PDB file of N, CA and C in Angstrom:
ATOM      1  N   MET A   1      62.726 200.739   4.683  1.00  0.00           N
ATOM      2  CA  MET A   1      62.840 199.512   3.930  1.00  0.00           C
ATOM      3  C   MET A   1      63.136 199.822   2.465  1.00  0.00           C
ATOM      4  N   LEU A   2      62.476 200.826   1.951  1.00  0.00           N
ATOM      5  CA  LEU A   2      62.681 201.177   0.546  1.00  0.00           C
ATOM      6  C   LEU A   2      64.106 201.664   0.309  1.00  0.00           C
ATOM      7  N   LYS A   3      64.658 202.414   1.254  1.00  0.00           N
ATOM      8  CA  LYS A   3      66.036 202.896   1.136  1.00  0.00           C
ATOM      9  C   LYS A   3      67.019 201.721   1.106  1.00  0.00           C
ATOM     10  N   GLU A   4      66.848 200.763   1.983  1.00  0.00           N
ATOM     11  CA  GLU A   4      67.707 199.580   2.019  1.00  0.00           C
ATOM     12  C   GLU A   4      67.541 198.757   0.748  1.00  0.00           C
ATOM     13  N   PHE A   5      66.328 198.553   0.304  1.00  0.00           N
ATOM     14  CA  PHE A   5      66.057 197.758  -0.886  1.00  0.00           C
ATOM     15  C   PHE A   5      66.692 198.401  -2.124  1.00  0.00           C
ATOM     16  N   ASN A   6      66.521 199.711  -2.282  1.00  0.00           N
ATOM     17  CA  ASN A   6      67.114 200.413  -3.424  1.00  0.00           C
ATOM     18  C   ASN A   6      68.633 200.393  -3.367  1.00  0.00           C
ATOM     19  N   SER A   7      69.188 200.477  -2.175  1.00  0.00           N
ATOM     20  CA  SER A   7      70.635 200.419  -2.007  1.00  0.00           C
ATOM     21  C   SER A   7      71.178 199.062  -2.456  1.00  0.00           C
ATOM     22  N   LEU A   8      70.497 197.982  -2.111  1.00  0.00           N
ATOM     23  CA  LEU A   8      70.929 196.642  -2.518  1.00  0.00           C
ATOM     24  C   LEU A   8      70.859 196.470  -4.034  1.00  0.00           C
ATOM     25  N   ILE A   9      69.824 196.999  -4.654  1.00  0.00           N
ATOM     26  CA  ILE A   9      69.696 196.895  -6.105  1.00  0.00           C
ATOM     27  C   ILE A   9      70.758 197.745  -6.793  1.00  0.00           C
ATOM     28  N   ASP A  10      71.013 198.958  -6.294  1.00  0.00           N
ATOM     29  CA  ASP A  10      72.025 199.836  -6.891  1.00  0.00           C
ATOM     30  C   ASP A  10      73.421 199.238  -6.823  1.00  0.00           C
ATOM     31  N   ARG A  11      73.719 198.513  -5.748  1.00  0.00           N
ATOM     32  CA  ARG A  11      75.027 197.871  -5.605  1.00  0.00           C
ATOM     33  C   ARG A  11      75.142 196.572  -6.389  1.00  0.00           C
ATOM     34  N   GLY A  12      74.048 196.114  -6.983  1.00  0.00           N
ATOM     35  CA  GLY A  12      74.081 194.872  -7.746  1.00  0.00           C
ATOM     36  C   GLY A  12      74.119 193.630  -6.880  1.00  0.00           C
ATOM     37  N   THR A  13      73.612 193.733  -5.662  1.00  0.00           N
ATOM     38  CA  THR A  13      73.612 192.590  -4.747  1.00  0.00           C
ATOM     39  C   THR A  13      72.737 191.457  -5.259  1.00  0.00           C
ATOM     40  N   PHE A  14      71.600 191.801  -5.835  1.00  0.00           N
ATOM     41  CA  PHE A  14      70.730 190.794  -6.428  1.00  0.00           C
ATOM     42  C   PHE A  14      69.939 191.433  -7.548  1.00  0.00           C
ATOM     43  N   LYS A  15      69.260 190.589  -8.299  1.00  0.00           N
ATOM     44  CA  LYS A  15      68.420 191.079  -9.389  1.00  0.00           C
ATOM     45  C   LYS A  15      67.155 190.251  -9.442  1.00  0.00           C
ATOM     46  N   TYR A  16      66.151 190.811 -10.065  1.00  0.00           N
ATOM     47  CA  TYR A  16      64.883 190.096 -10.226  1.00  0.00           C
ATOM     48  C   TYR A  16      65.040 189.002 -11.277  1.00  0.00           C
ATOM     49  N   LYS A  17      64.386 187.872 -11.041  1.00  0.00           N
ATOM     50  CA  LYS A  17      64.467 186.751 -11.960  1.00  0.00           C
ATOM     51  C   LYS A  17      63.166 185.971 -11.873  1.00  0.00           C
ATOM     52  N   GLU A  18      62.708 185.477 -12.993  1.00  0.00           N
ATOM     53  CA  GLU A  18      61.522 184.626 -13.006  1.00  0.00           C
ATOM     54  C   GLU A  18      61.841 183.299 -12.320  1.00  0.00           C
ATOM     55  N   HIS A  19      60.921 182.818 -11.520  1.00  0.00           N
ATOM     56  CA  HIS A  19      61.115 181.572 -10.776  1.00  0.00           C
ATOM     57  C   HIS A  19      60.640 180.391 -11.609  1.00  0.00           C
ATOM     58  N   SER A  20      61.495 179.363 -11.702  1.00  0.00           N
ATOM     59  CA  SER A  20      61.087 178.117 -12.344  1.00  0.00           C
ATOM     60  C   SER A  20      60.969 177.043 -11.262  1.00  0.00           C
ATOM     61  N   ASN A  21      60.220 176.006 -11.532  1.00  0.00           N
ATOM     62  CA  ASN A  21      59.919 174.992 -10.514  1.00  0.00           C
ATOM     63  C   ASN A  21      61.124 174.188 -10.063  1.00  0.00           C
ATOM     64  N   ASN A  22      62.189 174.103 -10.879  1.00  0.00           N
ATOM     65  CA  ASN A  22      63.330 173.279 -10.497  1.00  0.00           C
ATOM     66  C   ASN A  22      64.394 174.071  -9.738  1.00  0.00           C
ATOM     67  N   GLU A  23      64.148 175.326  -9.400  1.00  0.00           N
ATOM     68  CA  GLU A  23      65.107 176.137  -8.664  1.00  0.00           C
ATOM     69  C   GLU A  23      64.655 176.319  -7.215  1.00  0.00           C
ATOM     70  N   LYS A  24      65.625 176.363  -6.316  1.00  0.00           N
ATOM     71  CA  LYS A  24      65.316 176.624  -4.914  1.00  0.00           C
ATOM     72  C   LYS A  24      65.276 178.127  -4.681  1.00  0.00           C
ATOM     73  N   LEU A  25      64.367 178.548  -3.853  1.00  0.00           N
ATOM     74  CA  LEU A  25      64.260 179.956  -3.491  1.00  0.00           C
ATOM     75  C   LEU A  25      65.089 180.238  -2.244  1.00  0.00           C
ATOM     76  N   VAL A  26      65.653 181.421  -2.169  1.00  0.00           N
ATOM     77  CA  VAL A  26      66.338 181.874  -0.967  1.00  0.00           C
ATOM     78  C   VAL A  26      65.339 182.709  -0.185  1.00  0.00           C
ATOM     79  N   LEU A  27      65.025 182.277   1.024  1.00  0.00           N
ATOM     80  CA  LEU A  27      64.073 183.010   1.846  1.00  0.00           C
ATOM     81  C   LEU A  27      64.745 184.233   2.449  1.00  0.00           C
ATOM     82  N   LEU A  28      64.013 185.316   2.527  1.00  0.00           N
ATOM     83  CA  LEU A  28      64.526 186.574   3.060  1.00  0.00           C
ATOM     84  C   LEU A  28      63.749 186.973   4.302  1.00  0.00           C
ATOM     85  N   MET A  29      64.374 187.833   5.118  1.00  0.00           N
ATOM     86  CA  MET A  29      63.731 188.309   6.328  1.00  0.00           C
ATOM     87  C   MET A  29      64.186 189.749   6.580  1.00  0.00           C
ATOM     88  N   TRP A  30      63.260 190.585   7.008  1.00  0.00           N
ATOM     89  CA  TRP A  30      63.597 191.959   7.379  1.00  0.00           C
ATOM     90  C   TRP A  30      63.953 192.007   8.856  1.00  0.00           C
ATOM     91  N   VAL A  31      65.041 192.717   9.192  1.00  0.00           N
ATOM     92  CA  VAL A  31      65.461 192.937  10.574  1.00  0.00           C
ATOM     93  C   VAL A  31      65.430 194.436  10.821  1.00  0.00           C
ATOM     94  N   TYR A  32      64.745 194.850  11.871  1.00  0.00           N
ATOM     95  CA  TYR A  32      64.584 196.269  12.189  1.00  0.00           C
ATOM     96  C   TYR A  32      65.371 196.614  13.449  1.00  0.00           C
ATOM     97  N   THR A  33      66.016 197.772  13.421  1.00  0.00           N
ATOM     98  CA  THR A  33      66.777 198.255  14.566  1.00  0.00           C
ATOM     99  C   THR A  33      66.338 199.675  14.885  1.00  0.00           C
ATOM    100  N   ASN A  34      65.994 199.927  16.138  1.00  0.00           N
ATOM    101  CA  ASN A  34      65.622 201.267  16.588  1.00  0.00           C
ATOM    102  C   ASN A  34      66.710 201.803  17.498  1.00  0.00           C
ATOM    103  N   LYS A  35      67.055 203.075  17.316  1.00  0.00           N
ATOM    104  CA  LYS A  35      68.054 203.730  18.155  1.00  0.00           C
ATOM    105  C   LYS A  35      67.347 204.804  18.984  1.00  0.00           C
ATOM    106  N   PHE A  36      67.676 204.854  20.269  1.00  0.00           N
ATOM    107  CA  PHE A  36      67.064 205.808  21.181  1.00  0.00           C
ATOM    108  C   PHE A  36      68.141 206.684  21.811  1.00  0.00           C
ATOM    109  N   ASP A  37      67.783 207.910  22.175  1.00  0.00           N
ATOM    110  CA  ASP A  37      68.718 208.772  22.888  1.00  0.00           C
ATOM    111  C   ASP A  37      68.653 208.466  24.385  1.00  0.00           C
ATOM    112  N   GLU A  38      69.420 209.219  25.169  1.00  0.00           N
ATOM    113  CA  GLU A  38      69.481 208.937  26.607  1.00  0.00           C
ATOM    114  C   GLU A  38      68.169 209.207  27.329  1.00  0.00           C
ATOM    115  N   ASP A  39      67.269 209.988  26.715  1.00  0.00           N
ATOM    116  CA  ASP A  39      65.961 210.243  27.316  1.00  0.00           C
ATOM    117  C   ASP A  39      64.895 209.240  26.887  1.00  0.00           C
ATOM    118  N   GLY A  40      65.270 208.311  26.009  1.00  0.00           N
ATOM    119  CA  GLY A  40      64.338 207.286  25.574  1.00  0.00           C
ATOM    120  C   GLY A  40      63.535 207.644  24.341  1.00  0.00           C
ATOM    121  N   PHE A  41      63.894 208.725  23.661  1.00  0.00           N
ATOM    122  CA  PHE A  41      63.187 209.120  22.446  1.00  0.00           C
ATOM    123  C   PHE A  41      63.832 208.476  21.224  1.00  0.00           C
ATOM    124  N   LEU A  42      63.012 208.061  20.283  1.00  0.00           N
ATOM    125  CA  LEU A  42      63.484 207.434  19.052  1.00  0.00           C
ATOM    126  C   LEU A  42      64.239 208.452  18.214  1.00  0.00           C
ATOM    127  N   THR A  43      65.491 208.149  17.871  1.00  0.00           N
ATOM    128  CA  THR A  43      66.302 209.069  17.078  1.00  0.00           C
ATOM    129  C   THR A  43      66.581 208.543  15.684  1.00  0.00           C
ATOM    130  N   ASN A  44      66.638 207.225  15.523  1.00  0.00           N
ATOM    131  CA  ASN A  44      66.985 206.641  14.236  1.00  0.00           C
ATOM    132  C   ASN A  44      66.420 205.228  14.163  1.00  0.00           C
ATOM    133  N   PHE A  45      66.146 204.781  12.959  1.00  0.00           N
ATOM    134  CA  PHE A  45      65.722 203.400  12.766  1.00  0.00           C
ATOM    135  C   PHE A  45      66.262 202.914  11.439  1.00  0.00           C
ATOM    136  N   LYS A  46      66.557 201.617  11.385  1.00  0.00           N
ATOM    137  CA  LYS A  46      67.118 201.010  10.190  1.00  0.00           C
ATOM    138  C   LYS A  46      66.377 199.712   9.881  1.00  0.00           C
ATOM    139  N   ALA A  47      66.392 199.364   8.613  1.00  0.00           N
ATOM    140  CA  ALA A  47      65.840 198.086   8.165  1.00  0.00           C
ATOM    141  C   ALA A  47      66.914 197.385   7.347  1.00  0.00           C
ATOM    142  N   ARG A  48      67.120 196.113   7.617  1.00  0.00           N
ATOM    143  CA  ARG A  48      68.099 195.322   6.878  1.00  0.00           C
ATOM    144  C   ARG A  48      67.407 194.097   6.312  1.00  0.00           C
ATOM    145  N   LEU A  49      67.740 193.767   5.074  1.00  0.00           N
ATOM    146  CA  LEU A  49      67.208 192.584   4.412  1.00  0.00           C
ATOM    147  C   LEU A  49      68.278 191.505   4.459  1.00  0.00           C
ATOM    148  N   ILE A  50      67.964 190.366   5.060  1.00  0.00           N
ATOM    149  CA  ILE A  50      68.949 189.292   5.192  1.00  0.00           C
ATOM    150  C   ILE A  50      68.407 188.011   4.573  1.00  0.00           C
ATOM    151  N   ALA A  51      69.333 187.167   4.141  1.00  0.00           N
ATOM    152  CA  ALA A  51      68.982 185.854   3.593  1.00  0.00           C
ATOM    153  C   ALA A  51      68.952 184.848   4.734  1.00  0.00           C
ATOM    154  N   ARG A  52      67.991 183.948   4.704  1.00  0.00           N
ATOM    155  CA  ARG A  52      67.839 182.938   5.754  1.00  0.00           C
ATOM    156  C   ARG A  52      68.621 181.682   5.387  1.00  0.00           C
ATOM    157  N   GLY A  53      69.948 181.751   5.481  1.00  0.00           N
ATOM    158  CA  GLY A  53      70.795 180.607   5.174  1.00  0.00           C
ATOM    159  C   GLY A  53      70.736 179.516   6.217  1.00  0.00           C
ATOM    160  N   ASP A  54      70.202 179.810   7.392  1.00  0.00           N
ATOM    161  CA  ASP A  54      70.129 178.817   8.461  1.00  0.00           C
ATOM    162  C   ASP A  54      69.077 177.745   8.196  1.00  0.00           C
ATOM    163  N   LEU A  55      68.231 177.939   7.202  1.00  0.00           N
ATOM    164  CA  LEU A  55      67.168 176.982   6.926  1.00  0.00           C
ATOM    165  C   LEU A  55      67.587 175.881   5.955  1.00  0.00           C
ATOM    166  N   TYR A  56      68.799 175.961   5.389  1.00  0.00           N
ATOM    167  CA  TYR A  56      69.222 175.017   4.371  1.00  0.00           C
ATOM    168  C   TYR A  56      70.127 173.954   4.957  1.00  0.00           C
ATOM    169  N   LYS A  57      69.958 172.731   4.485  1.00  0.00           N
ATOM    170  CA  LYS A  57      70.758 171.599   4.934  1.00  0.00           C
ATOM    171  C   LYS A  57      71.985 171.468   4.040  1.00  0.00           C
ATOM    172  N   THR A  58      73.116 171.049   4.644  1.00  0.00           N
ATOM    173  CA  THR A  58      74.331 170.767   3.892  1.00  0.00           C
ATOM    174  C   THR A  58      74.613 169.276   3.955  1.00  0.00           C
ATOM    175  N   GLU A  59      75.482 168.821   3.076  1.00  0.00           N
ATOM    176  CA  GLU A  59      75.810 167.392   3.022  1.00  0.00           C
ATOM    177  C   GLU A  59      76.671 166.963   4.214  1.00  0.00           C
ATOM    178  N   GLU A  60      77.628 167.799   4.608  1.00  0.00           N
ATOM    179  CA  GLU A  60      78.497 167.420   5.714  1.00  0.00           C
ATOM    180  C   GLU A  60      78.179 168.272   6.936  1.00  0.00           C
ATOM    181  N   GLU A  61      78.515 167.742   8.081  1.00  0.00           N
ATOM    182  CA  GLU A  61      78.333 168.469   9.332  1.00  0.00           C
ATOM    183  C   GLU A  61      79.521 169.399   9.519  1.00  0.00           C
ATOM    184  N   THR A  62      79.275 170.601   9.971  1.00  0.00           N
ATOM    185  CA  THR A  62      80.362 171.539  10.241  1.00  0.00           C
ATOM    186  C   THR A  62      80.290 171.938  11.711  1.00  0.00           C
ATOM    187  N   TYR A  63      81.437 171.949  12.337  1.00  0.00           N
ATOM    188  CA  TYR A  63      81.512 172.297  13.748  1.00  0.00           C
ATOM    189  C   TYR A  63      82.564 173.381  13.932  1.00  0.00           C
ATOM    190  N   ALA A  64      82.320 174.303  14.812  1.00  0.00           N
ATOM    191  CA  ALA A  64      83.294 175.347  15.117  1.00  0.00           C
ATOM    192  C   ALA A  64      84.243 174.839  16.196  1.00  0.00           C
ATOM    193  N   ALA A  65      85.499 175.182  16.044  1.00  0.00           N
ATOM    194  CA  ALA A  65      86.503 174.787  17.043  1.00  0.00           C
ATOM    195  C   ALA A  65      86.286 175.593  18.313  1.00  0.00           C
ATOM    196  N   THR A  66      86.414 174.929  19.441  1.00  0.00           N
ATOM    197  CA  THR A  66      86.258 175.615  20.724  1.00  0.00           C
ATOM    198  C   THR A  66      87.483 175.336  21.584  1.00  0.00           C
ATOM    199  N   LEU A  67      87.833 176.297  22.395  1.00  0.00           N
ATOM    200  CA  LEU A  67      88.944 176.140  23.318  1.00  0.00           C
ATOM    201  C   LEU A  67      88.436 175.816  24.705  1.00  0.00           C
ATOM    202  N   VAL A  68      89.119 174.908  25.362  1.00  0.00           N
ATOM    203  CA  VAL A  68      88.763 174.563  26.736  1.00  0.00           C
ATOM    204  C   VAL A  68      89.949 174.953  27.605  1.00  0.00           C
ATOM    205  N   ALA A  69      89.714 175.804  28.576  1.00  0.00           N
ATOM    206  CA  ALA A  69      90.814 176.260  29.429  1.00  0.00           C
ATOM    207  C   ALA A  69      90.961 175.380  30.641  1.00  0.00           C
TER     208      ALA A  69
END
């Protein structure tokens, strides 16, 4: 987690800021991935920090186009 967090800060993805009451916060979530070899032993693991954009409402409805065969 620390490696991912430091990488995001080094790339300038976000910065620390004091929170004021009239600003909305972006909620974050950690996602963990484990990699195993063919014998089932843990070989690698990763942590990713993602923004929870699915929790916010928009003014208009958006729909994805779908094909019907």
